[in-house]
Amino acid sequence: MARYTGPVCKLCRREGEKLFLKGERCFTPKCAIERRAYPPGEHGRFSGRPSRQSDYSRQLRAKQKGKRIYGVLERQFRRYFRDARRIPGLTGLNLLQILESRLDNVVYRMGFADSRNQARQLVNHGHFRVNDRRNDIASTIIKPGDKIAVREKSKNNEYFKTLRQAEDTRTPPAWVESDLNNLSGRVIRLPERAEVDGNLNEQLIVEYYSR
C-alpha cells in the first residue's frame, strides 16, 4: 500500500495554506504555516509566490491540494476521477463524494480521529468494523446506511477510553451519525457540496484531467 511518508507540514507550506494534516497541532503556534509562511526548499524564503499563474498551474495546484488533503497518491486519485466521470451528475461533486466516502475519511468525520492520517493508521491497525465485519482497508468506499464501530477488543485501548470523554467537543457533519460514547456511527447519505471543506476547487481538478 503506497502512501506519502514525508513531513506533512511541508505540504501545507507548499500550498501556502493550512491543510489540517496534523490534527490539533494545526491550531497551535507550532503549526508550520504560523512559523514559516513561505514555500519549503532552499530558495523558498526568497522566491516569493508568483502574482500571476497560468491555467495549468492553477489546475495542478488544485489537484495536488486534493491529493494531499485526502492522503491519496496520483494513481489512485486518477482512478477516482475516472469513476466519478462514469457516475451521472457533476463530475467534480462526484469526485469529492467518493473521496469523502473513504473509510479513513469517514472515521475522521465521525470524530474518532484528529486527522485523516491518524484515522488511516487506526483503520490499518484493525480497530474498526464495517457492518459487523473487521475492516483494515482505509480506501474502502462506505455507502449510505453502512455502520462503523470500534471493535470490542479495541474499546479497552487507552486512546478510545479517552475519546469517549471528548464526545461533547466533536460535532460530526450532518451526513453521518456518531456516538462516541458507544464508539459507533453510521453514514446517513452522501455529503452535499457545502458539507465538504478543504477549500477545494473541484472544477479545476476536472479541467486538469480533461486536458
N, C-alpha and C. Protein backbone atom coordinates (compact mmCIF):
# COMPACT_ATOMS: atom_id res chain seq x y z
N MET A 1 0.84 -1.18 0.00
CA MET A 1 0.00 0.00 0.00
C MET A 1 0.88 1.24 0.00
N ALA A 2 0.79 2.02 -1.06
CA ALA A 2 1.62 3.21 -1.19
C ALA A 2 0.99 4.38 -0.43
N ARG A 3 1.84 5.17 0.20
CA ARG A 3 1.37 6.36 0.88
C ARG A 3 2.53 7.32 1.06
N TYR A 4 2.22 8.59 1.26
CA TYR A 4 3.25 9.59 1.48
C TYR A 4 3.77 9.46 2.90
N THR A 5 5.09 9.41 3.05
CA THR A 5 5.69 9.21 4.38
C THR A 5 6.59 10.38 4.78
N GLY A 6 6.62 11.44 3.98
CA GLY A 6 7.46 12.58 4.30
C GLY A 6 6.80 13.52 5.30
N PRO A 7 7.45 14.65 5.62
CA PRO A 7 6.90 15.63 6.56
C PRO A 7 5.68 16.33 5.98
N VAL A 8 4.53 16.19 6.62
CA VAL A 8 3.29 16.73 6.05
C VAL A 8 3.21 18.25 6.16
N CYS A 9 3.95 18.84 7.10
CA CYS A 9 3.92 20.30 7.22
C CYS A 9 4.48 20.98 5.98
N LYS A 10 5.39 20.29 5.29
CA LYS A 10 5.92 20.85 4.05
C LYS A 10 4.84 20.93 2.98
N LEU A 11 3.89 20.02 3.03
CA LEU A 11 2.81 20.04 2.05
C LEU A 11 1.94 21.28 2.24
N CYS A 12 1.67 21.63 3.49
CA CYS A 12 0.90 22.84 3.77
C CYS A 12 1.66 24.08 3.30
N ARG A 13 2.94 24.11 3.56
CA ARG A 13 3.75 25.26 3.17
C ARG A 13 3.82 25.37 1.65
N ARG A 14 3.85 24.24 0.96
CA ARG A 14 3.90 24.28 -0.50
C ARG A 14 2.61 24.86 -1.07
N GLU A 15 1.47 24.55 -0.44
CA GLU A 15 0.20 25.06 -0.93
C GLU A 15 -0.09 26.47 -0.40
N GLY A 16 0.69 26.91 0.59
CA GLY A 16 0.51 28.26 1.10
C GLY A 16 -0.69 28.43 2.01
N GLU A 17 -1.20 27.34 2.56
CA GLU A 17 -2.35 27.40 3.46
C GLU A 17 -2.40 26.15 4.32
N LYS A 18 -3.16 26.22 5.39
CA LYS A 18 -3.30 25.06 6.27
C LYS A 18 -4.19 24.01 5.62
N LEU A 19 -3.68 22.79 5.56
CA LEU A 19 -4.46 21.66 5.07
C LEU A 19 -4.95 20.78 6.23
N PHE A 20 -4.58 21.15 7.44
CA PHE A 20 -5.01 20.45 8.67
C PHE A 20 -4.68 18.96 8.60
N LEU A 21 -3.42 18.68 8.34
CA LEU A 21 -2.95 17.30 8.19
C LEU A 21 -2.43 16.72 9.50
N LYS A 22 -2.27 17.56 10.55
CA LYS A 22 -1.72 17.06 11.81
C LYS A 22 -2.67 17.27 12.99
N GLY A 23 -3.96 17.41 12.69
CA GLY A 23 -4.94 17.47 13.76
C GLY A 23 -4.80 18.70 14.64
N GLU A 24 -4.76 18.48 15.95
CA GLU A 24 -4.76 19.58 16.91
C GLU A 24 -3.54 20.49 16.77
N ARG A 25 -2.43 19.96 16.33
CA ARG A 25 -1.22 20.78 16.18
C ARG A 25 -1.45 21.95 15.22
N CYS A 26 -2.32 21.77 14.24
CA CYS A 26 -2.58 22.81 13.24
C CYS A 26 -3.25 24.04 13.86
N PHE A 27 -3.81 23.89 15.05
CA PHE A 27 -4.50 25.01 15.71
C PHE A 27 -3.62 25.68 16.77
N THR A 28 -2.34 25.30 16.81
CA THR A 28 -1.43 25.85 17.81
C THR A 28 -0.34 26.68 17.13
N PRO A 29 0.41 27.47 17.90
CA PRO A 29 1.52 28.24 17.32
C PRO A 29 2.62 27.37 16.73
N LYS A 30 2.60 26.06 17.01
CA LYS A 30 3.61 25.16 16.46
C LYS A 30 3.36 24.85 14.98
N CYS A 31 2.23 25.23 14.46
CA CYS A 31 1.90 24.98 13.05
C CYS A 31 2.96 25.60 12.16
N ALA A 32 3.40 24.86 11.15
CA ALA A 32 4.47 25.34 10.27
C ALA A 32 4.09 26.60 9.51
N ILE A 33 2.82 26.73 9.15
CA ILE A 33 2.37 27.92 8.42
C ILE A 33 2.50 29.16 9.32
N GLU A 34 2.28 28.99 10.61
CA GLU A 34 2.40 30.11 11.54
C GLU A 34 3.86 30.54 11.71
N ARG A 35 4.77 29.59 11.64
CA ARG A 35 6.18 29.89 11.90
C ARG A 35 6.97 30.19 10.63
N ARG A 36 6.60 29.51 9.53
CA ARG A 36 7.35 29.69 8.27
C ARG A 36 6.37 29.75 7.11
N ALA A 37 5.80 30.90 6.90
CA ALA A 37 4.77 31.07 5.87
C ALA A 37 5.39 31.32 4.50
N TYR A 38 6.26 30.41 4.09
CA TYR A 38 6.86 30.50 2.76
C TYR A 38 7.12 29.07 2.28
N PRO A 39 7.27 28.88 0.97
CA PRO A 39 7.43 27.52 0.44
C PRO A 39 8.66 26.83 0.99
N PRO A 40 8.66 25.50 1.09
CA PRO A 40 9.84 24.77 1.55
C PRO A 40 10.93 24.79 0.49
N GLY A 41 12.11 24.44 0.88
CA GLY A 41 13.22 24.39 -0.06
C GLY A 41 14.24 25.48 0.17
N GLU A 42 15.37 25.34 -0.48
CA GLU A 42 16.50 26.24 -0.27
C GLU A 42 16.16 27.69 -0.59
N HIS A 43 15.34 27.90 -1.63
CA HIS A 43 15.05 29.26 -2.06
C HIS A 43 13.63 29.70 -1.70
N GLY A 44 12.95 28.91 -0.88
CA GLY A 44 11.56 29.21 -0.57
C GLY A 44 11.33 30.56 0.06
N ARG A 45 12.20 30.94 0.99
CA ARG A 45 12.02 32.20 1.72
C ARG A 45 12.14 33.41 0.80
N PHE A 46 12.96 33.27 -0.26
CA PHE A 46 13.27 34.44 -1.08
C PHE A 46 12.59 34.44 -2.44
N SER A 47 12.00 33.28 -2.82
CA SER A 47 11.43 33.20 -4.16
C SER A 47 10.12 33.95 -4.28
N GLY A 48 9.36 34.03 -3.18
CA GLY A 48 8.05 34.66 -3.25
C GLY A 48 7.08 33.79 -4.03
N ARG A 49 5.85 34.22 -4.10
CA ARG A 49 4.86 33.48 -4.86
C ARG A 49 4.49 34.29 -6.11
N PRO A 50 4.35 33.63 -7.25
CA PRO A 50 4.04 34.35 -8.48
C PRO A 50 2.71 35.07 -8.37
N SER A 51 2.69 36.31 -8.81
CA SER A 51 1.46 37.10 -8.74
C SER A 51 0.44 36.66 -9.78
N ARG A 52 0.94 35.99 -10.82
CA ARG A 52 0.04 35.55 -11.88
C ARG A 52 0.38 34.11 -12.26
N GLN A 53 -0.63 33.25 -12.23
CA GLN A 53 -0.42 31.84 -12.54
C GLN A 53 -1.11 31.49 -13.85
N SER A 54 -0.52 30.55 -14.56
CA SER A 54 -1.16 30.05 -15.78
C SER A 54 -2.34 29.16 -15.40
N ASP A 55 -3.20 28.88 -16.37
CA ASP A 55 -4.34 28.00 -16.12
C ASP A 55 -3.86 26.62 -15.68
N TYR A 56 -2.81 26.12 -16.33
CA TYR A 56 -2.28 24.81 -15.98
C TYR A 56 -1.78 24.79 -14.54
N SER A 57 -1.10 25.87 -14.14
CA SER A 57 -0.56 25.93 -12.78
C SER A 57 -1.68 25.89 -11.75
N ARG A 58 -2.74 26.63 -11.98
CA ARG A 58 -3.86 26.65 -11.04
C ARG A 58 -4.55 25.28 -10.98
N GLN A 59 -4.67 24.63 -12.14
CA GLN A 59 -5.28 23.30 -12.18
C GLN A 59 -4.42 22.29 -11.43
N LEU A 60 -3.10 22.36 -11.65
CA LEU A 60 -2.19 21.44 -10.98
C LEU A 60 -2.22 21.63 -9.48
N ARG A 61 -2.21 22.88 -9.02
CA ARG A 61 -2.22 23.14 -7.59
C ARG A 61 -3.51 22.63 -6.95
N ALA A 62 -4.65 22.79 -7.65
CA ALA A 62 -5.92 22.29 -7.12
C ALA A 62 -5.90 20.77 -7.00
N LYS A 63 -5.34 20.11 -8.00
CA LYS A 63 -5.26 18.65 -7.96
C LYS A 63 -4.33 18.18 -6.85
N GLN A 64 -3.17 18.82 -6.73
CA GLN A 64 -2.22 18.45 -5.69
C GLN A 64 -2.81 18.68 -4.29
N LYS A 65 -3.54 19.76 -4.13
CA LYS A 65 -4.16 20.05 -2.84
C LYS A 65 -5.17 18.96 -2.48
N GLY A 66 -5.98 18.54 -3.45
CA GLY A 66 -6.96 17.48 -3.19
C GLY A 66 -6.29 16.18 -2.77
N LYS A 67 -5.22 15.81 -3.47
CA LYS A 67 -4.48 14.60 -3.14
C LYS A 67 -3.92 14.66 -1.72
N ARG A 68 -3.40 15.82 -1.36
CA ARG A 68 -2.73 15.95 -0.07
C ARG A 68 -3.73 16.00 1.08
N ILE A 69 -4.86 16.63 0.87
CA ILE A 69 -5.88 16.70 1.92
C ILE A 69 -6.38 15.30 2.27
N TYR A 70 -6.62 14.48 1.25
CA TYR A 70 -7.20 13.15 1.49
C TYR A 70 -6.14 12.05 1.58
N GLY A 71 -4.86 12.40 1.43
CA GLY A 71 -3.81 11.40 1.59
C GLY A 71 -3.81 10.34 0.51
N VAL A 72 -4.06 10.76 -0.73
CA VAL A 72 -4.15 9.83 -1.85
C VAL A 72 -3.04 10.15 -2.85
N LEU A 73 -2.40 9.12 -3.39
CA LEU A 73 -1.36 9.32 -4.39
C LEU A 73 -1.97 9.39 -5.79
N GLU A 74 -1.14 9.72 -6.76
CA GLU A 74 -1.62 10.07 -8.10
C GLU A 74 -2.43 8.96 -8.77
N ARG A 75 -1.92 7.75 -8.74
CA ARG A 75 -2.59 6.66 -9.45
C ARG A 75 -4.00 6.43 -8.93
N GLN A 76 -4.17 6.42 -7.63
CA GLN A 76 -5.48 6.21 -7.03
C GLN A 76 -6.39 7.41 -7.25
N PHE A 77 -5.83 8.60 -7.16
CA PHE A 77 -6.62 9.81 -7.38
C PHE A 77 -7.17 9.85 -8.81
N ARG A 78 -6.33 9.47 -9.76
CA ARG A 78 -6.77 9.43 -11.16
C ARG A 78 -7.87 8.39 -11.36
N ARG A 79 -7.76 7.27 -10.66
CA ARG A 79 -8.81 6.24 -10.76
C ARG A 79 -10.13 6.75 -10.18
N TYR A 80 -10.06 7.49 -9.07
CA TYR A 80 -11.27 8.07 -8.51
C TYR A 80 -11.92 9.04 -9.51
N PHE A 81 -11.09 9.79 -10.23
CA PHE A 81 -11.65 10.71 -11.22
C PHE A 81 -12.35 9.95 -12.33
N ARG A 82 -11.76 8.85 -12.80
CA ARG A 82 -12.41 8.04 -13.84
C ARG A 82 -13.75 7.48 -13.34
N ASP A 83 -13.77 7.03 -12.09
CA ASP A 83 -15.02 6.54 -11.52
C ASP A 83 -16.06 7.65 -11.43
N ALA A 84 -15.63 8.85 -11.03
CA ALA A 84 -16.55 9.98 -10.89
C ALA A 84 -17.15 10.38 -12.23
N ARG A 85 -16.36 10.24 -13.28
CA ARG A 85 -16.83 10.63 -14.61
C ARG A 85 -17.91 9.68 -15.13
N ARG A 86 -17.89 8.43 -14.65
CA ARG A 86 -18.89 7.45 -15.09
C ARG A 86 -20.23 7.61 -14.37
N ILE A 87 -20.23 8.31 -13.24
CA ILE A 87 -21.45 8.48 -12.46
C ILE A 87 -22.24 9.66 -13.01
N PRO A 88 -23.55 9.51 -13.17
CA PRO A 88 -24.36 10.65 -13.65
C PRO A 88 -24.26 11.84 -12.69
N GLY A 89 -24.29 13.04 -13.24
CA GLY A 89 -24.21 14.25 -12.41
C GLY A 89 -22.92 15.00 -12.65
N LEU A 90 -22.60 15.90 -11.75
CA LEU A 90 -21.40 16.72 -11.87
C LEU A 90 -20.16 15.90 -11.48
N THR A 91 -19.21 15.83 -12.38
CA THR A 91 -18.01 15.03 -12.14
C THR A 91 -17.24 15.51 -10.92
N GLY A 92 -17.12 16.83 -10.76
CA GLY A 92 -16.38 17.36 -9.61
C GLY A 92 -17.01 16.98 -8.29
N LEU A 93 -18.34 17.11 -8.20
CA LEU A 93 -19.03 16.74 -6.97
C LEU A 93 -18.94 15.25 -6.73
N ASN A 94 -19.08 14.46 -7.79
CA ASN A 94 -18.95 13.00 -7.65
C ASN A 94 -17.58 12.63 -7.10
N LEU A 95 -16.54 13.32 -7.58
CA LEU A 95 -15.18 13.03 -7.11
C LEU A 95 -15.05 13.33 -5.62
N LEU A 96 -15.56 14.47 -5.19
CA LEU A 96 -15.48 14.83 -3.77
C LEU A 96 -16.26 13.84 -2.91
N GLN A 97 -17.41 13.39 -3.40
CA GLN A 97 -18.21 12.43 -2.63
C GLN A 97 -17.49 11.08 -2.52
N ILE A 98 -16.79 10.67 -3.57
CA ILE A 98 -16.01 9.44 -3.50
C ILE A 98 -14.90 9.58 -2.46
N LEU A 99 -14.19 10.70 -2.48
CA LEU A 99 -13.11 10.93 -1.53
C LEU A 99 -13.63 10.98 -0.09
N GLU A 100 -14.78 11.63 0.09
CA GLU A 100 -15.36 11.72 1.42
C GLU A 100 -15.86 10.38 1.92
N SER A 101 -16.15 9.46 0.99
CA SER A 101 -16.71 8.16 1.37
C SER A 101 -15.65 7.13 1.71
N ARG A 102 -14.38 7.48 1.60
CA ARG A 102 -13.32 6.55 2.01
C ARG A 102 -13.45 6.27 3.51
N LEU A 103 -13.14 5.05 3.90
CA LEU A 103 -13.30 4.65 5.30
C LEU A 103 -12.47 5.52 6.24
N ASP A 104 -11.23 5.84 5.86
CA ASP A 104 -10.42 6.66 6.76
C ASP A 104 -11.02 8.05 6.93
N ASN A 105 -11.59 8.62 5.86
CA ASN A 105 -12.20 9.94 5.96
C ASN A 105 -13.47 9.89 6.81
N VAL A 106 -14.27 8.83 6.65
CA VAL A 106 -15.50 8.70 7.43
C VAL A 106 -15.18 8.57 8.91
N VAL A 107 -14.15 7.79 9.23
CA VAL A 107 -13.70 7.67 10.62
C VAL A 107 -13.30 9.03 11.17
N TYR A 108 -12.60 9.82 10.36
CA TYR A 108 -12.21 11.17 10.76
C TYR A 108 -13.43 12.06 10.94
N ARG A 109 -14.37 12.00 10.01
CA ARG A 109 -15.57 12.84 10.08
C ARG A 109 -16.43 12.50 11.29
N MET A 110 -16.42 11.24 11.70
CA MET A 110 -17.21 10.84 12.85
C MET A 110 -16.59 11.26 14.17
N GLY A 111 -15.36 11.76 14.12
CA GLY A 111 -14.71 12.24 15.33
C GLY A 111 -13.88 11.21 16.05
N PHE A 112 -13.59 10.08 15.38
CA PHE A 112 -12.78 9.04 16.00
C PHE A 112 -11.29 9.33 15.89
N ALA A 113 -10.92 10.37 15.13
CA ALA A 113 -9.51 10.71 14.95
C ALA A 113 -9.39 12.22 14.77
N ASP A 114 -8.20 12.75 15.08
CA ASP A 114 -7.94 14.18 14.96
C ASP A 114 -7.59 14.59 13.54
N SER A 115 -7.15 13.64 12.72
CA SER A 115 -6.76 13.94 11.36
C SER A 115 -7.01 12.71 10.49
N ARG A 116 -6.98 12.89 9.19
CA ARG A 116 -7.16 11.75 8.29
C ARG A 116 -5.98 10.80 8.38
N ASN A 117 -4.78 11.33 8.62
CA ASN A 117 -3.62 10.45 8.78
C ASN A 117 -3.78 9.54 9.99
N GLN A 118 -4.25 10.11 11.09
CA GLN A 118 -4.47 9.30 12.29
C GLN A 118 -5.59 8.29 12.05
N ALA A 119 -6.64 8.72 11.36
CA ALA A 119 -7.75 7.80 11.06
C ALA A 119 -7.27 6.63 10.20
N ARG A 120 -6.42 6.93 9.24
CA ARG A 120 -5.89 5.87 8.39
C ARG A 120 -5.08 4.86 9.19
N GLN A 121 -4.30 5.36 10.13
CA GLN A 121 -3.50 4.47 10.96
C GLN A 121 -4.39 3.59 11.83
N LEU A 122 -5.44 4.18 12.41
CA LEU A 122 -6.36 3.40 13.25
C LEU A 122 -7.05 2.31 12.43
N VAL A 123 -7.44 2.65 11.20
CA VAL A 123 -8.09 1.65 10.34
C VAL A 123 -7.10 0.55 9.98
N ASN A 124 -5.89 0.93 9.58
CA ASN A 124 -4.89 -0.05 9.18
C ASN A 124 -4.53 -1.01 10.31
N HIS A 125 -4.66 -0.55 11.54
CA HIS A 125 -4.36 -1.41 12.69
C HIS A 125 -5.55 -2.30 13.08
N GLY A 126 -6.62 -2.22 12.33
CA GLY A 126 -7.73 -3.14 12.51
C GLY A 126 -8.65 -2.82 13.67
N HIS A 127 -8.80 -1.55 14.04
CA HIS A 127 -9.62 -1.19 15.19
C HIS A 127 -11.11 -1.06 14.86
N PHE A 128 -11.48 -1.11 13.58
CA PHE A 128 -12.87 -0.83 13.21
C PHE A 128 -13.54 -2.01 12.51
N ARG A 129 -14.86 -2.02 12.65
CA ARG A 129 -15.71 -2.97 11.95
C ARG A 129 -16.69 -2.19 11.08
N VAL A 130 -16.91 -2.67 9.87
CA VAL A 130 -17.89 -2.07 8.95
C VAL A 130 -18.98 -3.11 8.72
N ASN A 131 -20.20 -2.75 9.13
CA ASN A 131 -21.33 -3.69 9.04
C ASN A 131 -20.99 -5.01 9.71
N ASP A 132 -20.41 -4.89 10.91
CA ASP A 132 -20.09 -6.04 11.77
C ASP A 132 -18.99 -6.95 11.22
N ARG A 133 -18.22 -6.44 10.28
CA ARG A 133 -17.08 -7.20 9.77
C ARG A 133 -15.81 -6.37 9.92
N ARG A 134 -14.76 -6.99 10.42
CA ARG A 134 -13.49 -6.28 10.60
C ARG A 134 -12.99 -5.76 9.26
N ASN A 135 -12.54 -4.52 9.25
CA ASN A 135 -12.04 -3.91 8.02
C ASN A 135 -10.79 -3.10 8.33
N ASP A 136 -9.69 -3.42 7.65
CA ASP A 136 -8.45 -2.68 7.86
C ASP A 136 -7.93 -2.05 6.57
N ILE A 137 -8.86 -1.78 5.63
CA ILE A 137 -8.50 -1.17 4.35
C ILE A 137 -9.03 0.25 4.33
N ALA A 138 -8.13 1.21 4.44
CA ALA A 138 -8.53 2.62 4.58
C ALA A 138 -9.26 3.16 3.37
N SER A 139 -9.02 2.58 2.18
CA SER A 139 -9.62 3.09 0.96
C SER A 139 -11.00 2.50 0.67
N THR A 140 -11.52 1.67 1.56
CA THR A 140 -12.86 1.11 1.37
C THR A 140 -13.88 2.23 1.21
N ILE A 141 -14.72 2.13 0.20
CA ILE A 141 -15.76 3.13 -0.04
C ILE A 141 -16.99 2.76 0.78
N ILE A 142 -17.38 3.66 1.67
CA ILE A 142 -18.53 3.44 2.55
C ILE A 142 -19.79 3.99 1.88
N LYS A 143 -20.85 3.23 1.94
CA LYS A 143 -22.10 3.61 1.29
C LYS A 143 -23.12 4.08 2.33
N PRO A 144 -24.11 4.88 1.91
CA PRO A 144 -25.16 5.29 2.85
C PRO A 144 -25.83 4.07 3.49
N GLY A 145 -25.99 4.13 4.80
CA GLY A 145 -26.58 3.02 5.54
C GLY A 145 -25.55 2.12 6.20
N ASP A 146 -24.29 2.22 5.77
CA ASP A 146 -23.24 1.39 6.37
C ASP A 146 -22.96 1.84 7.80
N LYS A 147 -22.72 0.87 8.66
CA LYS A 147 -22.44 1.14 10.07
C LYS A 147 -20.96 0.88 10.38
N ILE A 148 -20.40 1.77 11.16
CA ILE A 148 -18.99 1.67 11.54
C ILE A 148 -18.90 1.68 13.06
N ALA A 149 -18.11 0.77 13.60
CA ALA A 149 -17.98 0.69 15.06
C ALA A 149 -16.58 0.22 15.42
N VAL A 150 -16.12 0.66 16.57
CA VAL A 150 -14.84 0.19 17.09
C VAL A 150 -14.98 -1.25 17.56
N ARG A 151 -14.02 -2.09 17.26
CA ARG A 151 -14.06 -3.50 17.68
C ARG A 151 -14.09 -3.60 19.20
N GLU A 152 -14.75 -4.61 19.70
CA GLU A 152 -14.87 -4.80 21.15
C GLU A 152 -13.51 -4.88 21.82
N LYS A 153 -12.56 -5.58 21.19
CA LYS A 153 -11.24 -5.72 21.79
C LYS A 153 -10.51 -4.37 21.86
N SER A 154 -10.85 -3.48 20.92
CA SER A 154 -10.16 -2.19 20.87
C SER A 154 -10.74 -1.17 21.84
N LYS A 155 -11.94 -1.42 22.34
CA LYS A 155 -12.59 -0.44 23.22
C LYS A 155 -11.84 -0.27 24.54
N ASN A 156 -11.04 -1.25 24.90
CA ASN A 156 -10.26 -1.15 26.13
C ASN A 156 -8.94 -0.41 25.92
N ASN A 157 -8.67 -0.05 24.66
CA ASN A 157 -7.47 0.73 24.35
C ASN A 157 -7.57 2.10 25.01
N GLU A 158 -6.47 2.56 25.57
CA GLU A 158 -6.48 3.83 26.30
C GLU A 158 -6.93 4.99 25.41
N TYR A 159 -6.58 4.95 24.13
CA TYR A 159 -6.96 6.03 23.22
C TYR A 159 -8.49 6.14 23.13
N PHE A 160 -9.17 5.02 22.96
CA PHE A 160 -10.61 5.04 22.81
C PHE A 160 -11.33 5.35 24.13
N LYS A 161 -10.70 4.99 25.24
CA LYS A 161 -11.27 5.37 26.54
C LYS A 161 -11.26 6.89 26.69
N THR A 162 -10.17 7.51 26.27
CA THR A 162 -10.07 8.97 26.33
C THR A 162 -11.02 9.63 25.34
N LEU A 163 -11.23 8.98 24.20
CA LEU A 163 -12.08 9.54 23.15
C LEU A 163 -13.52 9.72 23.64
N ARG A 164 -13.98 8.80 24.46
CA ARG A 164 -15.35 8.90 24.98
C ARG A 164 -15.56 10.21 25.74
N GLN A 165 -14.52 10.68 26.41
CA GLN A 165 -14.63 11.90 27.21
C GLN A 165 -14.72 13.15 26.35
N ALA A 166 -14.39 13.04 25.07
CA ALA A 166 -14.40 14.20 24.17
C ALA A 166 -15.68 14.28 23.35
N GLU A 167 -16.71 13.53 23.74
CA GLU A 167 -17.94 13.47 22.94
C GLU A 167 -18.57 14.84 22.75
N ASP A 168 -18.56 15.67 23.77
CA ASP A 168 -19.23 16.98 23.69
C ASP A 168 -18.45 17.99 22.86
N THR A 169 -17.20 17.71 22.55
CA THR A 169 -16.37 18.68 21.82
C THR A 169 -16.24 18.35 20.34
N ARG A 170 -16.79 17.25 19.89
CA ARG A 170 -16.66 16.84 18.50
C ARG A 170 -18.04 16.73 17.86
N THR A 171 -18.30 17.58 16.88
CA THR A 171 -19.59 17.58 16.21
C THR A 171 -19.42 17.08 14.78
N PRO A 172 -19.98 15.95 14.44
CA PRO A 172 -19.83 15.41 13.08
C PRO A 172 -20.71 16.17 12.09
N PRO A 173 -20.40 16.13 10.80
CA PRO A 173 -21.26 16.76 9.80
C PRO A 173 -22.61 16.05 9.72
N ALA A 174 -23.56 16.70 9.07
CA ALA A 174 -24.94 16.19 9.07
C ALA A 174 -25.11 14.89 8.30
N TRP A 175 -24.16 14.54 7.44
CA TRP A 175 -24.34 13.34 6.62
C TRP A 175 -23.89 12.06 7.31
N VAL A 176 -23.36 12.19 8.54
CA VAL A 176 -23.02 11.00 9.32
C VAL A 176 -23.60 11.12 10.72
N GLU A 177 -23.86 9.99 11.33
CA GLU A 177 -24.24 9.94 12.74
C GLU A 177 -23.07 9.36 13.52
N SER A 178 -22.83 9.90 14.70
CA SER A 178 -21.71 9.43 15.50
C SER A 178 -22.10 9.37 16.97
N ASP A 179 -21.75 8.27 17.61
CA ASP A 179 -21.99 8.09 19.04
C ASP A 179 -20.65 7.72 19.67
N LEU A 180 -19.92 8.73 20.13
CA LEU A 180 -18.61 8.47 20.70
C LEU A 180 -18.70 7.70 22.01
N ASN A 181 -19.81 7.81 22.70
CA ASN A 181 -19.96 7.08 23.96
C ASN A 181 -19.97 5.57 23.71
N ASN A 182 -20.64 5.18 22.61
CA ASN A 182 -20.68 3.76 22.25
C ASN A 182 -19.66 3.41 21.18
N LEU A 183 -18.89 4.41 20.74
CA LEU A 183 -17.86 4.22 19.73
C LEU A 183 -18.40 3.59 18.46
N SER A 184 -19.48 4.16 17.96
CA SER A 184 -20.09 3.66 16.73
C SER A 184 -20.69 4.82 15.94
N GLY A 185 -21.03 4.56 14.71
CA GLY A 185 -21.64 5.59 13.88
C GLY A 185 -22.22 4.99 12.61
N ARG A 186 -22.84 5.86 11.81
CA ARG A 186 -23.49 5.38 10.58
C ARG A 186 -23.46 6.50 9.55
N VAL A 187 -23.30 6.11 8.29
CA VAL A 187 -23.37 7.07 7.19
C VAL A 187 -24.82 7.18 6.76
N ILE A 188 -25.38 8.38 6.83
CA ILE A 188 -26.79 8.60 6.51
C ILE A 188 -26.99 8.77 5.01
N ARG A 189 -26.11 9.57 4.40
CA ARG A 189 -26.24 9.89 2.97
C ARG A 189 -24.90 10.40 2.47
N LEU A 190 -24.83 10.67 1.18
CA LEU A 190 -23.63 11.27 0.63
C LEU A 190 -23.59 12.75 1.00
N PRO A 191 -22.42 13.32 1.20
CA PRO A 191 -22.35 14.74 1.57
C PRO A 191 -22.73 15.65 0.42
N GLU A 192 -23.31 16.78 0.74
CA GLU A 192 -23.57 17.82 -0.25
C GLU A 192 -22.32 18.67 -0.40
N ARG A 193 -22.26 19.45 -1.46
CA ARG A 193 -21.06 20.23 -1.74
C ARG A 193 -20.72 21.17 -0.59
N ALA A 194 -21.72 21.79 0.02
CA ALA A 194 -21.46 22.74 1.10
C ALA A 194 -20.91 22.06 2.35
N GLU A 195 -21.02 20.73 2.43
CA GLU A 195 -20.56 20.00 3.60
C GLU A 195 -19.14 19.46 3.44
N VAL A 196 -18.53 19.75 2.30
CA VAL A 196 -17.15 19.33 2.04
C VAL A 196 -16.24 20.52 2.22
N ASP A 197 -15.33 20.45 3.18
CA ASP A 197 -14.43 21.59 3.42
C ASP A 197 -13.12 21.38 2.67
N GLY A 198 -12.11 22.08 3.07
CA GLY A 198 -10.80 21.95 2.45
C GLY A 198 -10.51 23.00 1.41
N ASN A 199 -11.45 23.90 1.18
CA ASN A 199 -11.23 24.98 0.22
C ASN A 199 -10.77 24.45 -1.13
N LEU A 200 -11.42 23.39 -1.59
CA LEU A 200 -11.05 22.76 -2.84
C LEU A 200 -11.84 23.34 -4.00
N ASN A 201 -11.20 23.47 -5.14
CA ASN A 201 -11.87 23.88 -6.37
C ASN A 201 -11.92 22.66 -7.28
N GLU A 202 -13.01 21.91 -7.18
CA GLU A 202 -13.11 20.66 -7.92
C GLU A 202 -13.17 20.88 -9.44
N GLN A 203 -13.66 22.05 -9.86
CA GLN A 203 -13.73 22.32 -11.29
C GLN A 203 -12.34 22.38 -11.92
N LEU A 204 -11.39 22.94 -11.18
CA LEU A 204 -10.01 22.98 -11.69
C LEU A 204 -9.42 21.58 -11.79
N ILE A 205 -9.80 20.70 -10.88
CA ILE A 205 -9.33 19.31 -10.93
C ILE A 205 -9.89 18.62 -12.17
N VAL A 206 -11.17 18.85 -12.45
CA VAL A 206 -11.80 18.28 -13.64
C VAL A 206 -11.11 18.79 -14.89
N GLU A 207 -10.81 20.08 -14.90
CA GLU A 207 -10.13 20.66 -16.07
C GLU A 207 -8.74 20.07 -16.25
N TYR A 208 -8.04 19.80 -15.15
CA TYR A 208 -6.70 19.24 -15.23
C TYR A 208 -6.74 17.86 -15.91
N TYR A 209 -7.65 17.00 -15.47
CA TYR A 209 -7.70 15.64 -16.02
C TYR A 209 -8.42 15.58 -17.37
N SER A 210 -9.04 16.67 -17.79
CA SER A 210 -9.76 16.69 -19.07
C SER A 210 -8.91 17.31 -20.18
N ARG A 211 -7.66 17.64 -19.88
CA ARG A 211 -6.83 18.28 -20.89
C ARG A 211 -6.60 17.35 -22.07
